[in-house]
Amino acid sequence: MLERTESSLKSSPIIMKNGYPYVVNPILDGVPRMDPEVLREITDRMLEICDFDCDLILAPEAMAIPFASIISLKKNIPYAIIRKRSYGFEDEIRIDKSTGYSSNSMFINDIKPGEKVVLIDDVISTGGTLKSIVDAVRGHGCKITELVVAVNKSTNLEKVSEMLGINVKYVIGLDIVDEQIICKH
């Protein structure tokens, strides 16, 4: 069912950045080029495992954008992008986030209190980025109905889901064992 996705991930180089194993893959980085069949497998699976009962799909740039745009088209639900730069709009929400390998700010525009939101992202590891996003979206008065990621790199997704206060759904799991990529369904 996810043969091309699994093959794409398993053939990825692993680069160490500050002691963190970073998998370079088009699903996670946009390089090398994305196979449309991989994109189709991922978005079809997202549509299978999520209801998308929402007013808005919200996705951080950059690698979640392809998933959000395809789901938006198929479900006829608008999407908004959490950007890495500020536009300075009056209702802009600033998010200070930290991951396993970096810290920076992101910005949400055009979400309204009371909206039901589905979050889509490319990957989850520690949950640091998504924790910041979830807190900001909820703090703005929105309800997060689902959270789905393409790739789960977390070693304890149950604990991360508990920290986020929402069950994290994912398309494919990824683990690195002895410098080899292992995929889990």
C-alpha atoms as a PDB file:
ATOM      1  CA  MET A   1       0.000   0.000   0.000  1.00  0.00           C
ATOM      2  CA  LEU A   2       2.843   2.437   0.792  1.00  0.00           C
ATOM      3  CA  GLU A   3       5.506   0.668  -1.256  1.00  0.00           C
ATOM      4  CA  ARG A   4       6.841   3.726  -3.073  1.00  0.00           C
ATOM      5  CA  THR A   5       6.817   5.826   0.088  1.00  0.00           C
ATOM      6  CA  GLU A   6       8.711   3.161   2.007  1.00  0.00           C
ATOM      7  CA  SER A   7      11.207   2.716  -0.835  1.00  0.00           C
ATOM      8  CA  SER A   8      11.741   6.485  -1.014  1.00  0.00           C
ATOM      9  CA  LEU A   9      12.428   6.713   2.721  1.00  0.00           C
ATOM     10  CA  LYS A  10      14.707   3.660   2.854  1.00  0.00           C
ATOM     11  CA  SER A  11      16.886   5.013   0.047  1.00  0.00           C
ATOM     12  CA  SER A  12      17.476   8.346   1.845  1.00  0.00           C
ATOM     13  CA  PRO A  13      20.866   9.444   3.106  1.00  0.00           C
ATOM     14  CA  ILE A  14      21.213  10.115   6.842  1.00  0.00           C
ATOM     15  CA  ILE A  15      23.141  13.225   7.833  1.00  0.00           C
ATOM     16  CA  MET A  16      24.120  13.968  11.434  1.00  0.00           C
ATOM     17  CA  LYS A  17      23.379  17.561  12.522  1.00  0.00           C
ATOM     18  CA  ASN A  18      24.434  18.381  16.079  1.00  0.00           C
ATOM     19  CA  GLY A  19      24.115  14.713  17.036  1.00  0.00           C
ATOM     20  CA  TYR A  20      20.655  14.452  15.460  1.00  0.00           C
ATOM     21  CA  PRO A  21      20.118  11.943  12.592  1.00  0.00           C
ATOM     22  CA  TYR A  22      18.539  13.934   9.779  1.00  0.00           C
ATOM     23  CA  VAL A  23      16.927  11.924   6.961  1.00  0.00           C
ATOM     24  CA  VAL A  24      17.177  13.776   3.632  1.00  0.00           C
ATOM     25  CA  ASN A  25      14.092  12.880   1.607  1.00  0.00           C
ATOM     26  CA  PRO A  26      11.617  14.718  -0.653  1.00  0.00           C
ATOM     27  CA  ILE A  27       8.788  14.037   1.825  1.00  0.00           C
ATOM     28  CA  LEU A  28      10.734  15.844   4.545  1.00  0.00           C
ATOM     29  CA  ASP A  29      12.939  18.256   2.593  1.00  0.00           C
ATOM     30  CA  GLY A  30      11.792  18.637  -0.995  1.00  0.00           C
ATOM     31  CA  VAL A  31      15.076  17.183  -2.265  1.00  0.00           C
ATOM     32  CA  PRO A  32      15.625  15.210  -4.285  1.00  0.00           C
ATOM     33  CA  ARG A  33      12.508  15.689  -6.400  1.00  0.00           C
ATOM     34  CA  MET A  34       9.204  14.235  -5.189  1.00  0.00           C
ATOM     35  CA  ASP A  35       7.766  11.227  -7.008  1.00  0.00           C
ATOM     36  CA  PRO A  36       4.067  12.062  -7.633  1.00  0.00           C
ATOM     37  CA  GLU A  37       3.140   8.478  -6.705  1.00  0.00           C
ATOM     38  CA  VAL A  38       4.695   8.958  -3.255  1.00  0.00           C
ATOM     39  CA  LEU A  39       2.708  12.162  -2.808  1.00  0.00           C
ATOM     40  CA  ARG A  40      -0.429  10.317  -3.914  1.00  0.00           C
ATOM     41  CA  GLU A  41       0.199   7.423  -1.510  1.00  0.00           C
ATOM     42  CA  ILE A  42       0.670   9.793   1.421  1.00  0.00           C
ATOM     43  CA  THR A  43      -2.349  11.990   0.750  1.00  0.00           C
ATOM     44  CA  ASP A  44      -4.592   9.016  -0.058  1.00  0.00           C
ATOM     45  CA  ARG A  45      -3.592   7.447   3.264  1.00  0.00           C
ATOM     46  CA  MET A  46      -4.228  10.730   5.123  1.00  0.00           C
ATOM     47  CA  LEU A  47      -7.713  10.789   3.612  1.00  0.00           C
ATOM     48  CA  GLU A  48      -8.277   7.201   4.791  1.00  0.00           C
ATOM     49  CA  ILE A  49      -7.219   7.755   8.407  1.00  0.00           C
ATOM     50  CA  CYS A  50      -8.743  11.212   8.995  1.00  0.00           C
ATOM     51  CA  ASP A  51     -12.293  12.542   8.814  1.00  0.00           C
ATOM     52  CA  PHE A  52     -11.297  16.146   8.052  1.00  0.00           C
ATOM     53  CA  ASP A  53     -14.337  17.436   9.951  1.00  0.00           C
ATOM     54  CA  CYS A  54     -13.067  21.004  10.027  1.00  0.00           C
ATOM     55  CA  ASP A  55     -13.390  24.555   8.779  1.00  0.00           C
ATOM     56  CA  LEU A  56      -9.695  24.929   7.989  1.00  0.00           C
ATOM     57  CA  ILE A  57      -6.612  22.848   7.267  1.00  0.00           C
ATOM     58  CA  LEU A  58      -3.508  24.371   8.836  1.00  0.00           C
ATOM     59  CA  ALA A  59       0.018  23.376   7.815  1.00  0.00           C
ATOM     60  CA  PRO A  60       3.485  24.708   8.633  1.00  0.00           C
ATOM     61  CA  GLU A  61       5.711  25.629   5.729  1.00  0.00           C
ATOM     62  CA  ALA A  62       7.320  24.261   3.818  1.00  0.00           C
ATOM     63  CA  MET A  63       7.020  20.512   3.506  1.00  0.00           C
ATOM     64  CA  ALA A  64       3.430  20.185   4.721  1.00  0.00           C
ATOM     65  CA  ILE A  65       2.165  22.489   1.953  1.00  0.00           C
ATOM     66  CA  PRO A  66       1.864  19.787  -0.753  1.00  0.00           C
ATOM     67  CA  PHE A  67      -0.188  17.561   1.564  1.00  0.00           C
ATOM     68  CA  ALA A  68      -2.457  20.411   2.697  1.00  0.00           C
ATOM     69  CA  SER A  69      -3.092  21.664  -0.835  1.00  0.00           C
ATOM     70  CA  ILE A  70      -4.049  18.228  -2.166  1.00  0.00           C
ATOM     71  CA  ILE A  71      -6.306  17.469   0.804  1.00  0.00           C
ATOM     72  CA  SER A  72      -7.856  20.939   0.421  1.00  0.00           C
ATOM     73  CA  LEU A  73      -8.711  20.227  -3.206  1.00  0.00           C
ATOM     74  CA  LYS A  74     -10.080  16.750  -2.528  1.00  0.00           C
ATOM     75  CA  LYS A  75     -12.156  17.755   0.524  1.00  0.00           C
ATOM     76  CA  ASN A  76     -13.055  21.306  -0.612  1.00  0.00           C
ATOM     77  CA  ILE A  77     -11.746  22.761   2.656  1.00  0.00           C
ATOM     78  CA  PRO A  78      -9.622  25.931   2.710  1.00  0.00           C
ATOM     79  CA  TYR A  79      -6.088  25.784   4.030  1.00  0.00           C
ATOM     80  CA  ALA A  80      -3.703  28.279   5.594  1.00  0.00           C
ATOM     81  CA  ILE A  81       0.047  28.077   5.978  1.00  0.00           C
ATOM     82  CA  ILE A  82       1.977  28.705   9.167  1.00  0.00           C
ATOM     83  CA  ARG A  83       4.767  30.901   7.830  1.00  0.00           C
ATOM     84  CA  LYS A  84       8.381  31.378   8.875  1.00  0.00           C
ATOM     85  CA  ARG A  85       8.138  35.157   8.512  1.00  0.00           C
ATOM     86  CA  SER A  86       5.870  37.834   9.864  1.00  0.00           C
ATOM     87  CA  TYR A  87       3.568  39.946   7.751  1.00  0.00           C
ATOM     88  CA  GLY A  88       2.709  42.168  10.686  1.00  0.00           C
ATOM     89  CA  PHE A  89      -1.053  41.801  10.358  1.00  0.00           C
ATOM     90  CA  GLU A  90      -3.051  42.898  13.383  1.00  0.00           C
ATOM     91  CA  ASP A  91      -4.371  39.408  14.202  1.00  0.00           C
ATOM     92  CA  GLU A  92      -1.116  37.579  13.411  1.00  0.00           C
ATOM     93  CA  ILE A  93      -0.163  34.911  15.947  1.00  0.00           C
ATOM     94  CA  ARG A  94       3.542  34.517  16.710  1.00  0.00           C
ATOM     95  CA  ILE A  95       4.804  31.057  17.661  1.00  0.00           C
ATOM     96  CA  ASP A  96       8.237  30.581  19.199  1.00  0.00           C
ATOM     97  CA  LYS A  97       9.180  26.983  18.520  1.00  0.00           C
ATOM     98  CA  SER A  98      11.994  24.609  19.299  1.00  0.00           C
ATOM     99  CA  THR A  99      12.817  21.266  17.700  1.00  0.00           C
ATOM    100  CA  GLY A 100      15.483  18.670  18.308  1.00  0.00           C
ATOM    101  CA  TYR A 101      17.877  20.668  16.136  1.00  0.00           C
ATOM    102  CA  SER A 102      16.753  24.333  15.925  1.00  0.00           C
ATOM    103  CA  SER A 103      14.739  27.200  17.410  1.00  0.00           C
ATOM    104  CA  ASN A 104      12.905  29.995  15.595  1.00  0.00           C
ATOM    105  CA  SER A 105       9.555  31.748  15.187  1.00  0.00           C
ATOM    106  CA  MET A 106       6.560  31.000  13.002  1.00  0.00           C
ATOM    107  CA  PHE A 107       3.447  33.044  12.268  1.00  0.00           C
ATOM    108  CA  ILE A 108      -0.222  32.170  11.767  1.00  0.00           C
ATOM    109  CA  ASN A 109      -2.610  34.469   9.946  1.00  0.00           C
ATOM    110  CA  ASP A 110      -6.283  34.182   9.019  1.00  0.00           C
ATOM    111  CA  ILE A 111      -7.619  31.785  11.634  1.00  0.00           C
ATOM    112  CA  LYS A 112     -10.721  32.722  13.536  1.00  0.00           C
ATOM    113  CA  PRO A 113     -11.756  31.874  17.098  1.00  0.00           C
ATOM    114  CA  GLY A 114     -14.286  29.045  17.140  1.00  0.00           C
ATOM    115  CA  GLU A 115     -13.028  27.403  13.958  1.00  0.00           C
ATOM    116  CA  LYS A 116     -12.407  23.670  13.809  1.00  0.00           C
ATOM    117  CA  VAL A 117      -8.894  23.022  12.529  1.00  0.00           C
ATOM    118  CA  VAL A 118      -7.023  19.970  11.248  1.00  0.00           C
ATOM    119  CA  LEU A 119      -3.237  20.236  11.519  1.00  0.00           C
ATOM    120  CA  ILE A 120      -1.118  18.534   8.852  1.00  0.00           C
ATOM    121  CA  ASP A 121       2.665  18.270   9.045  1.00  0.00           C
ATOM    122  CA  ASP A 122       5.375  16.339   7.277  1.00  0.00           C
ATOM    123  CA  VAL A 123       7.076  14.793  10.313  1.00  0.00           C
ATOM    124  CA  ILE A 124       6.924  14.451  14.074  1.00  0.00           C
ATOM    125  CA  SER A 125       9.906  13.584  16.248  1.00  0.00           C
ATOM    126  CA  THR A 126       9.848  15.162  19.693  1.00  0.00           C
ATOM    127  CA  GLY A 127       6.625  17.102  19.148  1.00  0.00           C
ATOM    128  CA  GLY A 128       8.337  20.427  19.930  1.00  0.00           C
ATOM    129  CA  THR A 129       7.140  22.254  16.821  1.00  0.00           C
ATOM    130  CA  LEU A 130       3.626  20.861  16.999  1.00  0.00           C
ATOM    131  CA  LYS A 131       3.339  21.620  20.742  1.00  0.00           C
ATOM    132  CA  SER A 132       3.984  25.289  20.033  1.00  0.00           C
ATOM    133  CA  ILE A 133       1.472  25.280  17.172  1.00  0.00           C
ATOM    134  CA  VAL A 134      -1.214  23.386  19.117  1.00  0.00           C
ATOM    135  CA  ASP A 135      -0.894  25.740  22.089  1.00  0.00           C
ATOM    136  CA  ALA A 136      -1.118  28.826  19.853  1.00  0.00           C
ATOM    137  CA  VAL A 137      -4.126  27.554  17.883  1.00  0.00           C
ATOM    138  CA  ARG A 138      -6.008  26.534  21.014  1.00  0.00           C
ATOM    139  CA  GLY A 139      -5.009  29.777  22.727  1.00  0.00           C
ATOM    140  CA  HIS A 140      -6.656  31.619  19.843  1.00  0.00           C
ATOM    141  CA  GLY A 141      -9.945  29.836  20.593  1.00  0.00           C
ATOM    142  CA  CYS A 142      -9.864  27.208  17.842  1.00  0.00           C
ATOM    143  CA  LYS A 143     -10.590  23.516  18.258  1.00  0.00           C
ATOM    144  CA  ILE A 144      -8.104  21.062  16.771  1.00  0.00           C
ATOM    145  CA  THR A 145     -10.149  18.112  15.528  1.00  0.00           C
ATOM    146  CA  GLU A 146      -7.267  16.040  14.112  1.00  0.00           C
ATOM    147  CA  LEU A 147      -3.513  16.095  13.762  1.00  0.00           C
ATOM    148  CA  VAL A 148      -1.886  14.017  11.025  1.00  0.00           C
ATOM    149  CA  VAL A 149       1.723  13.737   9.887  1.00  0.00           C
ATOM    150  CA  ALA A 150       3.246  11.978   6.915  1.00  0.00           C
ATOM    151  CA  VAL A 151       6.191  10.510   8.843  1.00  0.00           C
ATOM    152  CA  ASN A 152       6.377   9.518  12.497  1.00  0.00           C
ATOM    153  CA  LYS A 153       9.954   9.574  13.816  1.00  0.00           C
ATOM    154  CA  SER A 154       8.909   9.693  17.479  1.00  0.00           C
ATOM    155  CA  THR A 155      10.228   6.970  19.768  1.00  0.00           C
ATOM    156  CA  ASN A 156       7.123   7.323  21.965  1.00  0.00           C
ATOM    157  CA  LEU A 157       4.155   8.675  20.002  1.00  0.00           C
ATOM    158  CA  GLU A 158       1.750   7.897  22.842  1.00  0.00           C
ATOM    159  CA  LYS A 159       3.704  10.212  25.149  1.00  0.00           C
ATOM    160  CA  VAL A 160       3.922  12.917  22.451  1.00  0.00           C
ATOM    161  CA  SER A 161       0.157  12.633  21.797  1.00  0.00           C
ATOM    162  CA  GLU A 162      -0.458  13.005  25.537  1.00  0.00           C
ATOM    163  CA  MET A 163       1.784  16.099  25.650  1.00  0.00           C
ATOM    164  CA  LEU A 164      -0.133  17.605  22.705  1.00  0.00           C
ATOM    165  CA  GLY A 165      -3.524  16.643  24.094  1.00  0.00           C
ATOM    166  CA  ILE A 166      -4.555  15.009  20.814  1.00  0.00           C
ATOM    167  CA  ASN A 167      -3.999  11.629  19.207  1.00  0.00           C
ATOM    168  CA  VAL A 168      -1.361  12.025  16.483  1.00  0.00           C
ATOM    169  CA  LYS A 169      -2.196  10.050  13.349  1.00  0.00           C
ATOM    170  CA  TYR A 170       0.525   9.190  10.867  1.00  0.00           C
ATOM    171  CA  VAL A 171       1.006   7.631   7.458  1.00  0.00           C
ATOM    172  CA  ILE A 172       4.292   5.794   7.988  1.00  0.00           C
ATOM    173  CA  GLY A 173       6.698   5.335  10.878  1.00  0.00           C
ATOM    174  CA  LEU A 174      10.444   5.715  10.523  1.00  0.00           C
ATOM    175  CA  ASP A 175      13.211   4.567  12.810  1.00  0.00           C
ATOM    176  CA  ILE A 176      16.972   4.572  12.395  1.00  0.00           C
ATOM    177  CA  VAL A 177      18.734   1.439  13.631  1.00  0.00           C
ATOM    178  CA  ASP A 178      22.464   0.945  13.081  1.00  0.00           C
ATOM    179  CA  GLU A 179      22.435   3.725  10.478  1.00  0.00           C
ATOM    180  CA  GLN A 180      19.662   1.936   8.564  1.00  0.00           C
ATOM    181  CA  ILE A 181      16.173   3.323   7.965  1.00  0.00           C
ATOM    182  CA  ILE A 182      13.372   1.053   9.149  1.00  0.00           C
ATOM    183  CA  CYS A 183       9.770   1.833   8.126  1.00  0.00           C
ATOM    184  CA  LYS A 184       6.743   0.860  10.205  1.00  0.00           C
ATOM    185  CA  HIS A 185       3.096   0.816   9.169  1.00  0.00           C
END
